[in-house]
Protein backbone atom coordinates (compact mmCIF):
# COMPACT_ATOMS: atom_id res chain seq x y z
CA MET A 1 -0.44 -0.35 0.01
CA LYS A 2 2.81 1.99 1.18
CA SER A 3 4.30 1.81 -3.31
CA LEU A 4 0.15 2.25 -4.27
CA ARG A 5 0.82 5.59 -2.68
CA TRP A 6 3.96 6.82 -4.28
CA VAL A 7 2.01 6.58 -7.31
CA PHE A 8 0.12 9.30 -6.61
CA ALA A 9 2.10 11.46 -4.40
CA ALA A 10 4.15 11.91 -7.96
CA GLY A 11 1.73 13.24 -8.73
CA ALA A 12 1.10 12.99 -12.93
CA PHE A 13 3.19 11.83 -15.84
CA LEU A 14 4.37 11.28 -19.42
CA ALA A 15 6.89 9.39 -21.98
CA ALA A 16 4.98 10.10 -25.85
CA ALA A 17 3.47 12.66 -24.84
CA GLN A 18 1.74 15.15 -26.94
CA PRO A 19 2.91 18.89 -26.61
CA ALA A 20 -0.42 20.18 -25.09
CA LEU A 21 -0.71 17.70 -22.06
CA ALA A 22 3.84 18.80 -21.16
CA GLN A 23 2.26 22.02 -21.32
CA SER A 24 -0.59 21.59 -19.27
CA VAL A 25 1.08 20.01 -16.36
CA TYR A 26 4.50 21.48 -16.29
CA GLY A 27 4.93 23.09 -13.07
CA VAL A 28 4.47 22.39 -9.44
CA TRP A 29 1.67 20.58 -7.92
CA ALA A 30 0.32 20.57 -5.14
CA ARG A 31 -1.87 17.30 -3.93
CA ASP A 32 -4.82 18.43 -2.30
CA ASP A 33 -4.34 16.06 1.06
CA GLY A 34 -1.43 19.05 2.17
CA LEU A 35 1.57 16.62 2.35
CA VAL A 36 3.43 17.04 -1.18
CA HIS A 37 4.39 19.42 -3.98
CA SER A 38 5.42 18.08 -7.13
CA ARG A 39 7.72 18.95 -9.99
CA ILE A 40 6.13 18.31 -13.44
CA GLY A 41 9.05 18.24 -16.09
CA PRO A 42 11.12 16.31 -18.64
CA CYS A 43 13.29 14.26 -18.15
CA GLU A 44 15.29 11.89 -20.61
CA ALA A 45 13.20 10.60 -23.13
CA GLU A 46 9.62 11.49 -21.07
CA ILE A 47 8.21 13.23 -17.82
CA CYS A 48 8.06 12.56 -14.35
CA ALA A 49 6.91 13.76 -11.20
CA THR A 50 9.34 14.60 -8.87
CA ASN A 51 8.64 15.05 -5.35
CA MET A 52 10.48 18.35 -4.31
CA TRP A 53 8.91 18.68 -0.73
CA VAL A 54 7.25 15.78 1.45
CA LYS A 55 5.39 17.52 4.67
CA ASP A 56 7.13 13.99 6.86
CA PRO A 57 10.81 13.16 5.75
CA GLN A 58 10.51 9.36 7.72
CA GLY A 59 7.43 8.90 5.20
CA PRO A 60 7.55 6.69 2.89
CA GLU A 61 7.78 9.44 0.60
CA LYS A 62 11.09 11.55 0.05
CA ALA A 63 11.62 14.92 -1.08
CA GLY A 64 13.64 13.75 -4.75
CA ASP A 65 11.86 10.77 -5.43
CA ARG A 66 10.83 10.05 -9.09
CA LEU A 67 8.24 8.76 -11.06
CA GLU A 68 8.26 8.57 -14.74
CA MET A 69 5.02 8.25 -17.01
CA THR A 70 4.07 6.93 -21.10
CA LEU A 71 0.73 8.40 -21.71
CA LYS A 72 -1.48 8.83 -24.41
CA GLU A 73 -3.95 11.64 -25.74
CA ASP A 74 -7.92 9.94 -25.38
CA SER A 75 -8.95 13.83 -25.89
CA PRO A 76 -8.08 17.24 -24.98
CA ASP A 77 -8.08 16.97 -20.97
CA HIS A 78 -7.93 13.08 -20.35
CA TRP A 79 -4.38 11.10 -20.14
CA SER A 80 -4.09 7.24 -19.60
CA GLY A 81 -1.75 5.06 -19.61
CA ALA A 82 1.10 3.75 -17.43
CA ALA A 83 3.46 4.98 -15.38
CA PHE A 84 7.23 3.38 -13.72
CA ASP A 85 8.68 4.17 -10.33
CA PRO A 86 11.71 3.36 -9.99
CA GLN A 87 12.22 3.99 -6.48
CA ARG A 88 10.35 0.64 -5.67
CA ASN A 89 10.34 -0.99 -9.02
CA ARG A 90 7.16 -0.55 -10.10
CA PHE A 91 4.03 0.14 -12.96
CA TYR A 92 0.75 0.87 -12.67
CA SER A 93 -1.80 1.48 -14.68
CA MET A 94 -2.87 5.00 -14.70
CA THR A 95 -5.35 7.87 -16.24
CA MET A 96 -4.70 11.99 -15.04
CA ILE A 97 -6.87 14.75 -16.37
CA VAL A 98 -6.11 18.13 -16.36
CA ASP A 99 -8.37 20.96 -16.03
CA GLY A 100 -7.28 24.73 -16.01
CA GLN A 101 -4.96 24.89 -12.24
CA ARG A 102 -6.92 21.08 -11.22
CA MET A 103 -5.58 18.30 -12.20
CA MET A 104 -6.50 14.74 -11.50
CA THR A 105 -4.38 11.24 -11.08
CA ARG A 106 -6.15 7.82 -10.88
CA GLY A 107 -3.28 4.88 -10.35
CA CYS A 108 -4.01 0.53 -10.24
CA ILE A 109 -2.47 -1.58 -9.68
CA LEU A 110 -3.11 -6.27 -9.23
CA GLY A 111 -4.75 -5.08 -13.28
CA GLY A 112 -6.96 -2.32 -11.76
CA LEU A 113 -8.48 -4.48 -8.64
CA LEU A 114 -6.73 -1.84 -6.42
CA CYS A 115 -6.90 2.10 -7.40
CA ARG A 116 -6.28 5.25 -5.60
CA ALA A 117 -6.87 8.52 -6.86
CA ILE A 118 -5.45 11.83 -5.79
CA GLY A 119 -6.46 15.62 -6.28
CA TRP A 120 -4.29 18.04 -7.09
CA ARG A 121 -3.38 22.23 -7.76
CA LEU A 122 -1.52 23.97 -9.93
CA ILE A 123 1.27 26.02 -7.10
CA SER A 124 3.34 27.40 -10.39
CA ARG A 125 4.69 26.95 -13.66
């Protein structure tokens, strides 16, 4: 469960990114529970979410943790695909919906049997 929590801490997510997606998600996002701030931006050939700040540095999520994402556009504000957590060597299916200054991510493991959705708000671009 701790590793599933991380998939949502990092926030959003992708490798074959559409330019519109990159522009709409690049920036620093705060998770709605106030426990994590993540920067979304390019990393090598992908887009990654990297934790910039965590409220509890002794917890399972750490500053510097990264999530690498490969998403495809389903509609202008909705993407789906996969995410990889290199710290835990885990893969997740995921979806992301961006609406201006708000974002919702949903990640699943075990073939979609265990899923969690997290809300985010944009702090800065």
